[in-house]
C-alpha atoms as a PDB file:
ATOM      1  CA  MET A   1      -0.157   0.291  -0.081  1.00  0.00           C
ATOM      2  CA  ARG A   2       2.614   2.259   1.011  1.00  0.00           C
ATOM      3  CA  LYS A   3       4.391   2.525  -3.009  1.00  0.00           C
ATOM      4  CA  LEU A   4       0.471   3.353  -3.610  1.00  0.00           C
ATOM      5  CA  TYR A   5       1.072   6.298  -1.744  1.00  0.00           C
ATOM      6  CA  GLU A   6       3.963   8.033  -3.810  1.00  0.00           C
ATOM      7  CA  TYR A   7       1.880   8.228  -6.716  1.00  0.00           C
ATOM      8  CA  ILE A   8      -1.002  10.437  -5.002  1.00  0.00           C
ATOM      9  CA  SER A   9      -1.132  13.998  -4.459  1.00  0.00           C
ATOM     10  CA  VAL A  10      -1.123  15.851  -1.006  1.00  0.00           C
ATOM     11  CA  GLU A  11      -4.842  16.735  -1.581  1.00  0.00           C
ATOM     12  CA  GLN A  12      -5.849  12.910  -2.167  1.00  0.00           C
ATOM     13  CA  LYS A  13      -3.354  11.404   1.087  1.00  0.00           C
ATOM     14  CA  LYS A  14      -5.683  13.792   3.432  1.00  0.00           C
ATOM     15  CA  GLU A  15      -8.780  12.394   1.691  1.00  0.00           C
ATOM     16  CA  VAL A  16      -6.799   9.082   2.651  1.00  0.00           C
ATOM     17  CA  VAL A  17      -6.752   9.810   5.798  1.00  0.00           C
ATOM     18  CA  LYS A  18     -10.431  11.204   6.497  1.00  0.00           C
ATOM     19  CA  GLN A  19     -11.556   7.945   4.690  1.00  0.00           C
ATOM     20  CA  LEU A  20      -8.921   5.808   6.795  1.00  0.00           C
ATOM     21  CA  LYS A  21     -10.032   7.443  10.307  1.00  0.00           C
ATOM     22  CA  GLN A  22     -13.654   7.179   9.447  1.00  0.00           C
ATOM     23  CA  SER A  23     -13.048   3.300   8.772  1.00  0.00           C
ATOM     24  CA  LEU A  24     -10.391   2.778  12.113  1.00  0.00           C
ATOM     25  CA  GLU A  25     -13.347   4.622  13.764  1.00  0.00           C
ATOM     26  CA  GLN A  26     -16.190   2.208  12.876  1.00  0.00           C
ATOM     27  CA  LEU A  27     -13.920  -0.813  13.699  1.00  0.00           C
ATOM     28  CA  ASN A  28     -12.909   0.264  16.905  1.00  0.00           C
ATOM     29  CA  ASP A  29     -16.922   0.570  17.180  1.00  0.00           C
ATOM     30  CA  GLU A  30     -17.780  -2.678  15.911  1.00  0.00           C
ATOM     31  CA  LEU A  31     -14.694  -4.664  18.117  1.00  0.00           C
ATOM     32  CA  SER A  32     -16.132  -2.993  20.913  1.00  0.00           C
ATOM     33  CA  LYS A  33     -19.768  -4.309  20.953  1.00  0.00           C
ATOM     34  CA  ASN A  34     -18.209  -7.444  19.639  1.00  0.00           C
ATOM     35  CA  GLU A  35     -15.670  -8.360  20.971  1.00  0.00           C
ATOM     36  CA  LYS A  36     -17.307 -11.344  22.837  1.00  0.00           C
ATOM     37  CA  VAL A  37     -18.860 -12.808  20.248  1.00  0.00           C
ATOM     38  CA  LEU A  38     -16.053 -12.629  17.788  1.00  0.00           C
ATOM     39  CA  SER A  39     -13.438 -15.409  17.701  1.00  0.00           C
ATOM     40  CA  PRO A  40      -9.915 -15.382  18.406  1.00  0.00           C
ATOM     41  CA  PHE A  41      -9.045 -15.757  15.205  1.00  0.00           C
ATOM     42  CA  VAL A  42     -11.570 -12.783  14.059  1.00  0.00           C
ATOM     43  CA  ASN A  43     -10.579 -10.530  16.667  1.00  0.00           C
ATOM     44  CA  GLU A  44      -7.119 -10.896  16.053  1.00  0.00           C
ATOM     45  CA  LEU A  45      -7.057  -9.878  11.818  1.00  0.00           C
ATOM     46  CA  LEU A  46      -9.676  -6.914  13.094  1.00  0.00           C
ATOM     47  CA  LEU A  47      -7.201  -5.361  15.793  1.00  0.00           C
ATOM     48  CA  ASP A  48      -3.858  -6.296  12.978  1.00  0.00           C
ATOM     49  CA  ALA A  49      -5.754  -4.217  10.042  1.00  0.00           C
ATOM     50  CA  LYS A  50      -6.590  -1.544  13.340  1.00  0.00           C
ATOM     51  CA  ASP A  51      -2.943  -1.458  14.255  1.00  0.00           C
ATOM     52  CA  LYS A  52      -2.536  -1.309  10.145  1.00  0.00           C
ATOM     53  CA  TRP A  53      -4.383   1.832   9.963  1.00  0.00           C
ATOM     54  CA  THR A  54      -3.498   3.208  12.948  1.00  0.00           C
ATOM     55  CA  LEU A  55       0.550   2.761  11.637  1.00  0.00           C
ATOM     56  CA  GLU A  56      -1.183   4.483   7.650  1.00  0.00           C
ATOM     57  CA  ILE A  57      -2.503   7.602   9.530  1.00  0.00           C
ATOM     58  CA  GLU A  58       0.845   8.479  11.150  1.00  0.00           C
ATOM     59  CA  GLU A  59       2.455   7.542   8.410  1.00  0.00           C
ATOM     60  CA  LEU A  60       0.444   9.824   5.658  1.00  0.00           C
ATOM     61  CA  GLU A  61       0.405  12.039   8.288  1.00  0.00           C
ATOM     62  CA  LEU A  62       3.676  12.626   8.668  1.00  0.00           C
ATOM     63  CA  GLU A  63       4.402  12.599   4.886  1.00  0.00           C
ATOM     64  CA  LYS A  64       1.804  15.826   5.064  1.00  0.00           C
ATOM     65  CA  LYS A  65       3.985  17.557   7.765  1.00  0.00           C
ATOM     66  CA  ASN A  66       6.982  17.081   6.229  1.00  0.00           C
ATOM     67  CA  HIS A  67       5.561  18.302   2.874  1.00  0.00           C
ATOM     68  CA  ASP A  68       3.754  21.247   4.280  1.00  0.00           C
ATOM     69  CA  LYS A  69       7.782  22.455   5.635  1.00  0.00           C
ATOM     70  CA  LYS A  70       8.987  22.443   2.484  1.00  0.00           C
ATOM     71  CA  HIS A  71       6.438  23.434   0.418  1.00  0.00           C
ATOM     72  CA  PRO A  72       5.477  26.819   2.828  1.00  0.00           C
END
């Protein structure tokens, strides 16, 4: 996924961050509501997705911050 982000604009990256944050919020809601119902395997997969999305958000925000410093 990181390779893909090299080819999109800063504005597109902002939109990706916005969408990832919305998805992360929905995932957190689902995890909190259904933690006891989900199998340990599914729960682990969802937690892994949560970690990956969080990392992507942090990386994209860092890229945006670095871009803003270079292009005030």
